[in-house]
């Protein structure tokens, strides 16, 4: 081939390479937990990445992978966080919790923590010893009502990050007695931010204090709103029926167990950012009769990613 021919071939090849490079979408890898939480068929479908659409700022983002969190990827750390002021008729309901603990898969480690007058108390670090976790679980003895969300945020920030999923089941009335604004709670917002940043999913069960009948109804409702707010924005769910205690926790715990058995780790290319931060994201399903549960925001690393925190979970 002549020099002119080689030169023309080189130009053509370079043009193809440049064109291919220009088609590779720019983005920062980000991961978020997706739950097939509500489906209207006999069994949930096994999702693939082609079944989902991820958008940021109303623009689609490329999906890298969608991994079912089963088998070798099923590891889960679950903290039960009990508010000691939620002391209304807890006896039989905590038997439901003990059965729930014992029924968890071998891949699940369970921790027990309490909110005592707003303070976090770790009774048991995550363990696969079911009886050890059950032994650490006690029904609420009653305590001075206090804001529960500071303790939730402290639990999440102190949780050692690893390859396991991290989930909190919070049992509380959600009430901040000192709250000046009933419908906005900065401590609940701070807990949401901590959970979204760490990739922690929060489930909440509303359970009142023994004197709930003497409590201002608007205050009870505001507490339920905040519990729902925290659960929904972290990709979990809040369970409540009325202002009184649930007749049984068993149906709610079974529903939560179904959620945890149908989770995926979604990796996608997020819009690049200069500084590590939480970014809004939407994940939708193309599959009919299937609703997904996903956190509203995902942590996206920038040029200076934040250092991980947490030490109580270290072994």
C-alpha atoms as a PDB file:
ATOM      1  CA  UNK A   1       0.000   0.000   0.000  1.00  0.00           C
ATOM      2  CA  UNK A   2       1.268   3.479  -0.878  1.00  0.00           C
ATOM      3  CA  UNK A   3       2.127   6.082   1.728  1.00  0.00           C
ATOM      4  CA  UNK A   4      -0.983   7.987   0.725  1.00  0.00           C
ATOM      5  CA  UNK A   5      -3.084   4.857   1.303  1.00  0.00           C
ATOM      6  CA  UNK A   6      -1.559   4.206   4.742  1.00  0.00           C
ATOM      7  CA  UNK A   7      -2.039   7.840   5.702  1.00  0.00           C
ATOM      8  CA  UNK A   8      -5.688   7.741   4.619  1.00  0.00           C
ATOM      9  CA  UNK A   9      -6.268   4.503   6.560  1.00  0.00           C
ATOM     10  CA  UNK A  10      -4.675   6.036   9.668  1.00  0.00           C
ATOM     11  CA  UNK A  11      -6.918   9.092   9.463  1.00  0.00           C
ATOM     12  CA  UNK A  12     -10.009   6.909   8.951  1.00  0.00           C
ATOM     13  CA  UNK A  13      -9.111   4.643  11.914  1.00  0.00           C
ATOM     14  CA  UNK A  14      -8.430   7.618  14.177  1.00  0.00           C
ATOM     15  CA  UNK A  15     -11.758   9.131  13.226  1.00  0.00           C
ATOM     16  CA  UNK A  16     -13.564   5.894  14.101  1.00  0.00           C
ATOM     17  CA  UNK A  17     -11.744   5.694  17.454  1.00  0.00           C
ATOM     18  CA  UNK A  18     -12.563   9.311  18.293  1.00  0.00           C
ATOM     19  CA  UNK A  19     -16.190   8.763  17.324  1.00  0.00           C
ATOM     20  CA  UNK A  20     -16.409   5.675  19.537  1.00  0.00           C
ATOM     21  CA  UNK A  21     -14.854   7.569  22.430  1.00  0.00           C
ATOM     22  CA  UNK A  22     -17.329  10.398  22.019  1.00  0.00           C
ATOM     23  CA  UNK A  23     -20.205   7.920  22.338  1.00  0.00           C
ATOM     24  CA  UNK A  24     -18.987   6.562  25.692  1.00  0.00           C
ATOM     25  CA  UNK A  25     -21.142   8.325  28.294  1.00  0.00           C
ATOM     26  CA  UNK A  26     -19.331  10.295  30.942  1.00  0.00           C
ATOM     27  CA  UNK A  27     -20.251   9.628  34.513  1.00  0.00           C
ATOM     28  CA  UNK A  28     -19.224   8.592  38.002  1.00  0.00           C
ATOM     29  CA  UNK A  29     -20.047   5.057  39.183  1.00  0.00           C
ATOM     30  CA  UNK A  30     -22.663   5.166  41.947  1.00  0.00           C
ATOM     31  CA  UNK A  31     -24.510   2.382  43.745  1.00  0.00           C
ATOM     32  CA  UNK A  32     -27.957   2.256  45.302  1.00  0.00           C
ATOM     33  CA  UNK A  33     -30.168  -0.475  46.779  1.00  0.00           C
ATOM     34  CA  UNK A  34     -33.354  -1.234  44.836  1.00  0.00           C
ATOM     35  CA  UNK A  35     -36.200  -3.214  46.433  1.00  0.00           C
ATOM     36  CA  UNK A  36     -38.956  -4.981  44.525  1.00  0.00           C
ATOM     37  CA  UNK A  37     -41.320  -4.025  47.304  1.00  0.00           C
ATOM     38  CA  UNK A  38     -44.823  -4.185  45.857  1.00  0.00           C
ATOM     39  CA  UNK A  39     -45.782  -6.640  43.158  1.00  0.00           C
ATOM     40  CA  UNK A  40     -49.178  -7.928  42.103  1.00  0.00           C
ATOM     41  CA  UNK A  41     -48.268 -11.367  40.834  1.00  0.00           C
ATOM     42  CA  UNK A  42     -47.808 -14.673  42.668  1.00  0.00           C
ATOM     43  CA  UNK A  43     -44.050 -14.187  42.866  1.00  0.00           C
ATOM     44  CA  UNK A  44     -41.740 -11.234  42.197  1.00  0.00           C
ATOM     45  CA  UNK A  45     -39.989 -11.221  38.823  1.00  0.00           C
ATOM     46  CA  UNK A  46     -36.217 -11.580  38.624  1.00  0.00           C
ATOM     47  CA  UNK A  47     -35.142  -8.192  37.332  1.00  0.00           C
ATOM     48  CA  UNK A  48     -32.352  -7.411  34.880  1.00  0.00           C
ATOM     49  CA  UNK A  49     -30.814  -4.033  34.162  1.00  0.00           C
ATOM     50  CA  UNK A  50     -32.928  -3.806  30.998  1.00  0.00           C
ATOM     51  CA  UNK A  51     -36.029  -3.713  33.222  1.00  0.00           C
ATOM     52  CA  UNK A  52     -35.040  -0.428  34.881  1.00  0.00           C
ATOM     53  CA  UNK A  53     -34.653   3.211  33.927  1.00  0.00           C
ATOM     54  CA  UNK A  54     -32.435   5.564  35.954  1.00  0.00           C
ATOM     55  CA  UNK A  55     -32.766   9.321  35.539  1.00  0.00           C
ATOM     56  CA  UNK A  56     -31.110  12.401  36.969  1.00  0.00           C
ATOM     57  CA  UNK A  57     -32.451  15.851  36.201  1.00  0.00           C
ATOM     58  CA  UNK A  58     -35.009  14.098  33.924  1.00  0.00           C
ATOM     59  CA  UNK A  59     -32.189  12.686  31.776  1.00  0.00           C
ATOM     60  CA  UNK A  60     -31.545   8.913  31.527  1.00  0.00           C
ATOM     61  CA  UNK A  61     -28.278   7.600  32.962  1.00  0.00           C
ATOM     62  CA  UNK A  62     -26.436   4.437  31.849  1.00  0.00           C
ATOM     63  CA  UNK A  63     -26.944   1.348  33.998  1.00  0.00           C
ATOM     64  CA  UNK A  64     -23.747  -0.631  34.559  1.00  0.00           C
ATOM     65  CA  UNK A  65     -25.130  -3.623  36.477  1.00  0.00           C
ATOM     66  CA  UNK A  66     -28.031  -4.915  38.550  1.00  0.00           C
ATOM     67  CA  UNK A  67     -27.006  -7.636  41.000  1.00  0.00           C
ATOM     68  CA  UNK A  68     -29.594  -9.675  42.969  1.00  0.00           C
ATOM     69  CA  UNK A  69     -28.612  -9.661  46.640  1.00  0.00           C
ATOM     70  CA  UNK A  70     -29.012 -13.392  47.061  1.00  0.00           C
ATOM     71  CA  UNK A  71     -26.752 -16.396  47.493  1.00  0.00           C
ATOM     72  CA  UNK A  72     -23.162 -15.205  47.840  1.00  0.00           C
ATOM     73  CA  UNK A  73     -24.354 -11.574  47.828  1.00  0.00           C
ATOM     74  CA  UNK A  74     -27.063 -12.003  50.490  1.00  0.00           C
ATOM     75  CA  UNK A  75     -25.049 -10.706  53.475  1.00  0.00           C
ATOM     76  CA  UNK A  76     -27.138  -8.317  55.585  1.00  0.00           C
ATOM     77  CA  UNK A  77     -26.629  -6.415  58.832  1.00  0.00           C
ATOM     78  CA  UNK A  78     -29.940  -5.531  60.476  1.00  0.00           C
ATOM     79  CA  UNK A  79     -30.218  -3.298  63.542  1.00  0.00           C
ATOM     80  CA  UNK A  80     -33.388  -3.301  65.640  1.00  0.00           C
ATOM     81  CA  UNK A  81     -33.600   0.179  67.174  1.00  0.00           C
ATOM     82  CA  UNK A  82     -36.196   0.334  69.964  1.00  0.00           C
ATOM     83  CA  UNK A  83     -37.413   3.573  71.542  1.00  0.00           C
ATOM     84  CA  UNK A  84     -37.812   2.959  75.277  1.00  0.00           C
ATOM     85  CA  UNK A  85     -40.691   5.424  75.481  1.00  0.00           C
ATOM     86  CA  UNK A  86     -42.808   3.188  73.175  1.00  0.00           C
ATOM     87  CA  UNK A  87     -44.142   1.221  76.109  1.00  0.00           C
ATOM     88  CA  UNK A  88     -47.810   0.616  75.246  1.00  0.00           C
ATOM     89  CA  UNK A  89     -48.674  -3.103  75.564  1.00  0.00           C
ATOM     90  CA  UNK A  90     -45.376  -4.373  74.130  1.00  0.00           C
ATOM     91  CA  UNK A  91     -45.426  -7.943  75.508  1.00  0.00           C
ATOM     92  CA  UNK A  92     -46.883 -10.075  72.701  1.00  0.00           C
ATOM     93  CA  UNK A  93     -45.457  -7.802  70.042  1.00  0.00           C
ATOM     94  CA  UNK A  94     -41.931  -8.414  71.238  1.00  0.00           C
ATOM     95  CA  UNK A  95     -42.577 -12.129  71.025  1.00  0.00           C
ATOM     96  CA  UNK A  96     -43.228 -11.414  67.340  1.00  0.00           C
ATOM     97  CA  UNK A  97     -39.823  -9.701  67.166  1.00  0.00           C
ATOM     98  CA  UNK A  98     -38.085 -12.646  68.839  1.00  0.00           C
ATOM     99  CA  UNK A  99     -39.631 -15.058  66.335  1.00  0.00           C
ATOM    100  CA  UNK A 100     -38.583 -12.703  63.542  1.00  0.00           C
ATOM    101  CA  UNK A 101     -34.977 -12.712  64.763  1.00  0.00           C
ATOM    102  CA  UNK A 102     -34.861 -16.489  64.955  1.00  0.00           C
ATOM    103  CA  UNK A 103     -36.345 -16.856  61.456  1.00  0.00           C
ATOM    104  CA  UNK A 104     -33.722 -14.763  59.680  1.00  0.00           C
ATOM    105  CA  UNK A 105     -31.429 -16.389  57.090  1.00  0.00           C
ATOM    106  CA  UNK A 106     -27.952 -17.459  58.165  1.00  0.00           C
ATOM    107  CA  UNK A 107     -26.518 -14.617  56.051  1.00  0.00           C
ATOM    108  CA  UNK A 108     -28.163 -11.991  58.300  1.00  0.00           C
ATOM    109  CA  UNK A 109     -26.395 -10.483  61.313  1.00  0.00           C
ATOM    110  CA  UNK A 110     -28.644  -8.775  63.859  1.00  0.00           C
ATOM    111  CA  UNK A 111     -27.816  -5.940  66.225  1.00  0.00           C
ATOM    112  CA  UNK A 112     -29.943  -4.527  69.051  1.00  0.00           C
ATOM    113  CA  UNK A 113     -29.977  -0.877  70.125  1.00  0.00           C
ATOM    114  CA  UNK A 114     -32.188   1.362  72.250  1.00  0.00           C
ATOM    115  CA  UNK A 115     -33.169   5.001  72.408  1.00  0.00           C
ATOM    116  CA  UNK A 116     -33.101   6.017  76.068  1.00  0.00           C
ATOM    117  CA  UNK A 117     -34.345   9.585  76.524  1.00  0.00           C
ATOM    118  CA  UNK A 118     -32.847  10.512  73.177  1.00  0.00           C
ATOM    119  CA  UNK A 119     -29.514   8.750  73.753  1.00  0.00           C
ATOM    120  CA  UNK A 120     -28.313   5.804  71.685  1.00  0.00           C
ATOM    121  CA  UNK A 121     -27.475   2.644  73.626  1.00  0.00           C
ATOM    122  CA  UNK A 122     -25.954  -0.323  71.758  1.00  0.00           C
ATOM    123  CA  UNK A 123     -26.985  -3.536  73.498  1.00  0.00           C
ATOM    124  CA  UNK A 124     -25.635  -5.962  70.897  1.00  0.00           C
ATOM    125  CA  UNK A 125     -23.417  -5.422  67.871  1.00  0.00           C
ATOM    126  CA  UNK A 126     -24.521  -7.281  64.724  1.00  0.00           C
ATOM    127  CA  UNK A 127     -24.179 -11.017  65.337  1.00  0.00           C
ATOM    128  CA  UNK A 128     -25.264 -14.225  63.641  1.00  0.00           C
ATOM    129  CA  UNK A 129     -25.911 -15.781  67.053  1.00  0.00           C
ATOM    130  CA  UNK A 130     -29.717 -15.640  67.149  1.00  0.00           C
ATOM    131  CA  UNK A 131     -30.044 -16.399  70.852  1.00  0.00           C
ATOM    132  CA  UNK A 132     -27.503 -13.724  71.731  1.00  0.00           C
ATOM    133  CA  UNK A 133     -29.568 -11.161  69.806  1.00  0.00           C
ATOM    134  CA  UNK A 134     -32.807 -12.381  71.396  1.00  0.00           C
ATOM    135  CA  UNK A 135     -31.245 -12.129  74.845  1.00  0.00           C
ATOM    136  CA  UNK A 136     -30.353  -8.472  74.196  1.00  0.00           C
ATOM    137  CA  UNK A 137     -33.905  -7.624  73.097  1.00  0.00           C
ATOM    138  CA  UNK A 138     -36.104  -6.270  75.871  1.00  0.00           C
ATOM    139  CA  UNK A 139     -39.550  -4.713  75.685  1.00  0.00           C
ATOM    140  CA  UNK A 140     -39.623  -0.925  76.267  1.00  0.00           C
ATOM    141  CA  UNK A 141     -39.720  -0.157  79.969  1.00  0.00           C
ATOM    142  CA  UNK A 142     -40.985   3.378  79.502  1.00  0.00           C
ATOM    143  CA  UNK A 143     -38.835   6.495  79.455  1.00  0.00           C
ATOM    144  CA  UNK A 144     -39.120  10.244  79.192  1.00  0.00           C
ATOM    145  CA  UNK A 145     -40.268  11.084  75.626  1.00  0.00           C
ATOM    146  CA  UNK A 146     -37.501  12.583  73.499  1.00  0.00           C
ATOM    147  CA  UNK A 147     -36.534  13.090  69.883  1.00  0.00           C
ATOM    148  CA  UNK A 148     -35.633   9.633  68.471  1.00  0.00           C
ATOM    149  CA  UNK A 149     -33.984  10.733  65.221  1.00  0.00           C
ATOM    150  CA  UNK A 150     -30.708  11.961  66.701  1.00  0.00           C
ATOM    151  CA  UNK A 151     -30.088   8.444  68.012  1.00  0.00           C
ATOM    152  CA  UNK A 152     -30.950   6.985  64.596  1.00  0.00           C
ATOM    153  CA  UNK A 153     -28.419   9.281  62.907  1.00  0.00           C
ATOM    154  CA  UNK A 154     -25.787   8.394  65.509  1.00  0.00           C
ATOM    155  CA  UNK A 155     -26.384   4.677  64.927  1.00  0.00           C
ATOM    156  CA  UNK A 156     -25.961   5.065  61.171  1.00  0.00           C
ATOM    157  CA  UNK A 157     -22.852   7.246  61.386  1.00  0.00           C
ATOM    158  CA  UNK A 158     -21.156   4.850  63.770  1.00  0.00           C
ATOM    159  CA  UNK A 159     -21.898   1.764  61.671  1.00  0.00           C
ATOM    160  CA  UNK A 160     -18.774   0.290  60.146  1.00  0.00           C
ATOM    161  CA  UNK A 161     -19.109   0.128  56.363  1.00  0.00           C
ATOM    162  CA  UNK A 162     -18.487  -3.235  54.683  1.00  0.00           C
ATOM    163  CA  UNK A 163     -19.829  -5.343  51.830  1.00  0.00           C
ATOM    164  CA  UNK A 164     -23.080  -6.211  53.647  1.00  0.00           C
ATOM    165  CA  UNK A 165     -26.371  -4.405  53.186  1.00  0.00           C
ATOM    166  CA  UNK A 166     -27.283  -2.231  56.152  1.00  0.00           C
ATOM    167  CA  UNK A 167     -30.894  -1.966  57.335  1.00  0.00           C
ATOM    168  CA  UNK A 168     -32.497  -0.438  60.437  1.00  0.00           C
ATOM    169  CA  UNK A 169     -35.874  -1.431  61.850  1.00  0.00           C
ATOM    170  CA  UNK A 170     -36.901   1.483  64.081  1.00  0.00           C
ATOM    171  CA  UNK A 171     -39.718   1.056  66.611  1.00  0.00           C
ATOM    172  CA  UNK A 172     -40.830   4.442  67.946  1.00  0.00           C
ATOM    173  CA  UNK A 173     -43.651   6.959  68.092  1.00  0.00           C
ATOM    174  CA  UNK A 174     -41.509   9.407  66.110  1.00  0.00           C
ATOM    175  CA  UNK A 175     -42.414  12.322  68.382  1.00  0.00           C
ATOM    176  CA  UNK A 176     -40.057  15.175  69.228  1.00  0.00           C
ATOM    177  CA  UNK A 177     -41.660  16.721  72.346  1.00  0.00           C
ATOM    178  CA  UNK A 178     -39.508  19.830  72.004  1.00  0.00           C
ATOM    179  CA  UNK A 179     -40.201  20.299  68.299  1.00  0.00           C
ATOM    180  CA  UNK A 180     -41.378  23.811  67.482  1.00  0.00           C
ATOM    181  CA  UNK A 181     -42.478  22.973  63.941  1.00  0.00           C
ATOM    182  CA  UNK A 182     -44.708  19.898  63.804  1.00  0.00           C
ATOM    183  CA  UNK A 183     -44.281  19.134  60.106  1.00  0.00           C
ATOM    184  CA  UNK A 184     -40.551  19.807  59.751  1.00  0.00           C
ATOM    185  CA  UNK A 185     -37.958  18.114  61.923  1.00  0.00           C
ATOM    186  CA  UNK A 186     -34.291  18.980  61.257  1.00  0.00           C
ATOM    187  CA  UNK A 187     -33.152  15.892  63.188  1.00  0.00           C
ATOM    188  CA  UNK A 188     -35.265  13.623  60.954  1.00  0.00           C
ATOM    189  CA  UNK A 189     -33.759  15.325  57.900  1.00  0.00           C
ATOM    190  CA  UNK A 190     -30.268  14.790  59.338  1.00  0.00           C
ATOM    191  CA  UNK A 191     -31.020  11.085  59.868  1.00  0.00           C
ATOM    192  CA  UNK A 192     -32.215  10.805  56.261  1.00  0.00           C
ATOM    193  CA  UNK A 193     -29.032  12.450  55.005  1.00  0.00           C
ATOM    194  CA  UNK A 194     -26.873  10.098  57.096  1.00  0.00           C
ATOM    195  CA  UNK A 195     -28.782   7.053  55.813  1.00  0.00           C
ATOM    196  CA  UNK A 196     -28.661   8.111  52.161  1.00  0.00           C
ATOM    197  CA  UNK A 197     -24.973   8.893  52.412  1.00  0.00           C
ATOM    198  CA  UNK A 198     -24.198   5.479  53.948  1.00  0.00           C
ATOM    199  CA  UNK A 199     -26.671   3.525  51.797  1.00  0.00           C
ATOM    200  CA  UNK A 200     -28.722   2.450  54.837  1.00  0.00           C
ATOM    201  CA  UNK A 201     -32.401   1.542  54.420  1.00  0.00           C
ATOM    202  CA  UNK A 202     -34.710   2.430  57.306  1.00  0.00           C
ATOM    203  CA  UNK A 203     -37.963   0.637  58.127  1.00  0.00           C
ATOM    204  CA  UNK A 204     -40.175   2.078  60.854  1.00  0.00           C
ATOM    205  CA  UNK A 205     -42.962   0.648  62.984  1.00  0.00           C
ATOM    206  CA  UNK A 206     -45.074   3.184  64.843  1.00  0.00           C
ATOM    207  CA  UNK A 207     -45.614   2.165  68.455  1.00  0.00           C
ATOM    208  CA  UNK A 208     -46.936   4.652  71.031  1.00  0.00           C
ATOM    209  CA  UNK A 209     -46.101   5.332  74.632  1.00  0.00           C
ATOM    210  CA  UNK A 210     -48.426   4.037  77.349  1.00  0.00           C
ATOM    211  CA  UNK A 211     -50.020   7.474  77.818  1.00  0.00           C
ATOM    212  CA  UNK A 212     -50.716   8.115  74.135  1.00  0.00           C
ATOM    213  CA  UNK A 213     -54.414   8.760  74.831  1.00  0.00           C
ATOM    214  CA  UNK A 214     -53.385  11.864  76.760  1.00  0.00           C
ATOM    215  CA  UNK A 215     -51.055  13.079  73.999  1.00  0.00           C
ATOM    216  CA  UNK A 216     -52.009  15.867  71.608  1.00  0.00           C
ATOM    217  CA  UNK A 217     -53.395  14.184  68.472  1.00  0.00           C
ATOM    218  CA  UNK A 218     -51.557  16.588  66.181  1.00  0.00           C
ATOM    219  CA  UNK A 219     -48.286  15.660  67.909  1.00  0.00           C
ATOM    220  CA  UNK A 220     -48.951  11.939  67.384  1.00  0.00           C
ATOM    221  CA  UNK A 221     -49.760  12.543  63.730  1.00  0.00           C
ATOM    222  CA  UNK A 222     -46.613  14.639  63.284  1.00  0.00           C
ATOM    223  CA  UNK A 223     -44.541  11.763  64.708  1.00  0.00           C
ATOM    224  CA  UNK A 224     -46.102   9.336  62.260  1.00  0.00           C
ATOM    225  CA  UNK A 225     -45.404  11.748  59.402  1.00  0.00           C
ATOM    226  CA  UNK A 226     -41.718  11.930  60.359  1.00  0.00           C
ATOM    227  CA  UNK A 227     -41.399   8.137  60.618  1.00  0.00           C
ATOM    228  CA  UNK A 228     -42.952   7.795  57.157  1.00  0.00           C
ATOM    229  CA  UNK A 229     -40.713  10.568  55.828  1.00  0.00           C
ATOM    230  CA  UNK A 230     -37.523   8.865  57.037  1.00  0.00           C
ATOM    231  CA  UNK A 231     -38.540   5.416  55.794  1.00  0.00           C
ATOM    232  CA  UNK A 232     -39.761   6.531  52.378  1.00  0.00           C
ATOM    233  CA  UNK A 233     -36.733   8.682  51.519  1.00  0.00           C
ATOM    234  CA  UNK A 234     -34.270   5.953  52.455  1.00  0.00           C
ATOM    235  CA  UNK A 235     -36.006   3.268  50.381  1.00  0.00           C
ATOM    236  CA  UNK A 236     -37.821   1.576  53.275  1.00  0.00           C
ATOM    237  CA  UNK A 237     -41.375   1.570  54.557  1.00  0.00           C
ATOM    238  CA  UNK A 238     -43.274   2.765  57.634  1.00  0.00           C
ATOM    239  CA  UNK A 239     -46.003   0.646  59.211  1.00  0.00           C
ATOM    240  CA  UNK A 240     -48.922   2.166  61.117  1.00  0.00           C
ATOM    241  CA  UNK A 241     -52.686   1.764  61.221  1.00  0.00           C
ATOM    242  CA  UNK A 242     -53.984   4.280  63.742  1.00  0.00           C
ATOM    243  CA  UNK A 243     -52.806   6.340  66.712  1.00  0.00           C
ATOM    244  CA  UNK A 244     -52.870   3.217  68.892  1.00  0.00           C
ATOM    245  CA  UNK A 245     -50.513   0.219  68.908  1.00  0.00           C
ATOM    246  CA  UNK A 246     -50.631  -2.335  66.120  1.00  0.00           C
ATOM    247  CA  UNK A 247     -52.555  -5.482  67.117  1.00  0.00           C
ATOM    248  CA  UNK A 248     -49.572  -7.560  65.976  1.00  0.00           C
ATOM    249  CA  UNK A 249     -46.167  -6.918  64.421  1.00  0.00           C
ATOM    250  CA  UNK A 250     -46.120 -10.266  62.600  1.00  0.00           C
ATOM    251  CA  UNK A 251     -47.713  -9.120  59.274  1.00  0.00           C
ATOM    252  CA  UNK A 252     -45.424  -6.076  59.098  1.00  0.00           C
ATOM    253  CA  UNK A 253     -42.334  -8.132  59.872  1.00  0.00           C
ATOM    254  CA  UNK A 254     -43.321 -10.676  57.201  1.00  0.00           C
ATOM    255  CA  UNK A 255     -43.747  -7.872  54.673  1.00  0.00           C
ATOM    256  CA  UNK A 256     -40.346  -6.468  55.560  1.00  0.00           C
ATOM    257  CA  UNK A 257     -38.765  -9.937  55.232  1.00  0.00           C
ATOM    258  CA  UNK A 258     -40.226 -10.199  51.706  1.00  0.00           C
ATOM    259  CA  UNK A 259     -38.663  -6.841  50.851  1.00  0.00           C
ATOM    260  CA  UNK A 260     -35.244  -7.890  52.124  1.00  0.00           C
ATOM    261  CA  UNK A 261     -35.429 -11.096  50.062  1.00  0.00           C
ATOM    262  CA  UNK A 262     -36.024  -9.119  46.868  1.00  0.00           C
ATOM    263  CA  UNK A 263     -33.295  -6.498  46.842  1.00  0.00           C
ATOM    264  CA  UNK A 264     -30.708  -5.586  44.224  1.00  0.00           C
ATOM    265  CA  UNK A 265     -27.565  -3.509  44.075  1.00  0.00           C
ATOM    266  CA  UNK A 266     -27.861  -1.130  41.158  1.00  0.00           C
ATOM    267  CA  UNK A 267     -24.721   0.465  39.735  1.00  0.00           C
ATOM    268  CA  UNK A 268     -25.087   3.309  37.248  1.00  0.00           C
ATOM    269  CA  UNK A 269     -23.093   6.237  35.908  1.00  0.00           C
ATOM    270  CA  UNK A 270     -24.207   9.347  37.760  1.00  0.00           C
ATOM    271  CA  UNK A 271     -23.725  12.879  36.552  1.00  0.00           C
ATOM    272  CA  UNK A 272     -20.126  13.880  37.402  1.00  0.00           C
ATOM    273  CA  UNK A 273     -19.678  16.251  40.352  1.00  0.00           C
ATOM    274  CA  UNK A 274     -16.677  18.245  41.524  1.00  0.00           C
ATOM    275  CA  UNK A 275     -17.334  17.569  45.197  1.00  0.00           C
ATOM    276  CA  UNK A 276     -18.667  14.381  46.780  1.00  0.00           C
ATOM    277  CA  UNK A 277     -22.328  14.917  47.606  1.00  0.00           C
ATOM    278  CA  UNK A 278     -25.839  13.498  47.664  1.00  0.00           C
ATOM    279  CA  UNK A 279     -27.554  13.708  44.295  1.00  0.00           C
ATOM    280  CA  UNK A 280     -31.226  13.200  43.475  1.00  0.00           C
ATOM    281  CA  UNK A 281     -32.010  10.091  41.456  1.00  0.00           C
ATOM    282  CA  UNK A 282     -35.122   8.329  40.167  1.00  0.00           C
ATOM    283  CA  UNK A 283     -35.318   4.611  39.424  1.00  0.00           C
ATOM    284  CA  UNK A 284     -38.364   3.280  37.615  1.00  0.00           C
ATOM    285  CA  UNK A 285     -39.416  -0.193  36.512  1.00  0.00           C
ATOM    286  CA  UNK A 286     -40.505  -1.118  32.998  1.00  0.00           C
ATOM    287  CA  UNK A 287     -42.168  -4.250  34.398  1.00  0.00           C
ATOM    288  CA  UNK A 288     -45.941  -4.034  34.753  1.00  0.00           C
ATOM    289  CA  UNK A 289     -47.494  -4.434  38.214  1.00  0.00           C
ATOM    290  CA  UNK A 290     -44.213  -3.852  40.025  1.00  0.00           C
ATOM    291  CA  UNK A 291     -43.374  -0.928  42.306  1.00  0.00           C
ATOM    292  CA  UNK A 292     -39.798  -0.250  43.320  1.00  0.00           C
ATOM    293  CA  UNK A 293     -38.600   1.148  46.631  1.00  0.00           C
ATOM    294  CA  UNK A 294     -35.477   3.289  46.267  1.00  0.00           C
ATOM    295  CA  UNK A 295     -33.860   6.096  48.244  1.00  0.00           C
ATOM    296  CA  UNK A 296     -34.467   9.581  46.850  1.00  0.00           C
ATOM    297  CA  UNK A 297     -30.754  10.433  46.745  1.00  0.00           C
ATOM    298  CA  UNK A 298     -27.476   8.625  46.148  1.00  0.00           C
ATOM    299  CA  UNK A 299     -23.958   9.469  47.299  1.00  0.00           C
ATOM    300  CA  UNK A 300     -21.775  10.406  44.331  1.00  0.00           C
ATOM    301  CA  UNK A 301     -18.012  10.693  44.760  1.00  0.00           C
ATOM    302  CA  UNK A 302     -16.282  13.777  43.424  1.00  0.00           C
ATOM    303  CA  UNK A 303     -12.629  14.622  43.065  1.00  0.00           C
ATOM    304  CA  UNK A 304     -12.246  14.619  46.868  1.00  0.00           C
ATOM    305  CA  UNK A 305     -14.332  11.703  48.210  1.00  0.00           C
ATOM    306  CA  UNK A 306     -15.197  11.826  51.900  1.00  0.00           C
ATOM    307  CA  UNK A 307     -13.421   9.492  54.265  1.00  0.00           C
ATOM    308  CA  UNK A 308     -15.609   6.723  55.765  1.00  0.00           C
ATOM    309  CA  UNK A 309     -16.598   7.053  59.394  1.00  0.00           C
ATOM    310  CA  UNK A 310     -17.767   4.648  62.057  1.00  0.00           C
ATOM    311  CA  UNK A 311     -16.132   2.480  64.648  1.00  0.00           C
ATOM    312  CA  UNK A 312     -18.659   0.659  66.829  1.00  0.00           C
ATOM    313  CA  UNK A 313     -19.070  -2.108  64.226  1.00  0.00           C
ATOM    314  CA  UNK A 314     -15.397  -2.969  64.026  1.00  0.00           C
ATOM    315  CA  UNK A 315     -14.438  -6.403  65.158  1.00  0.00           C
END
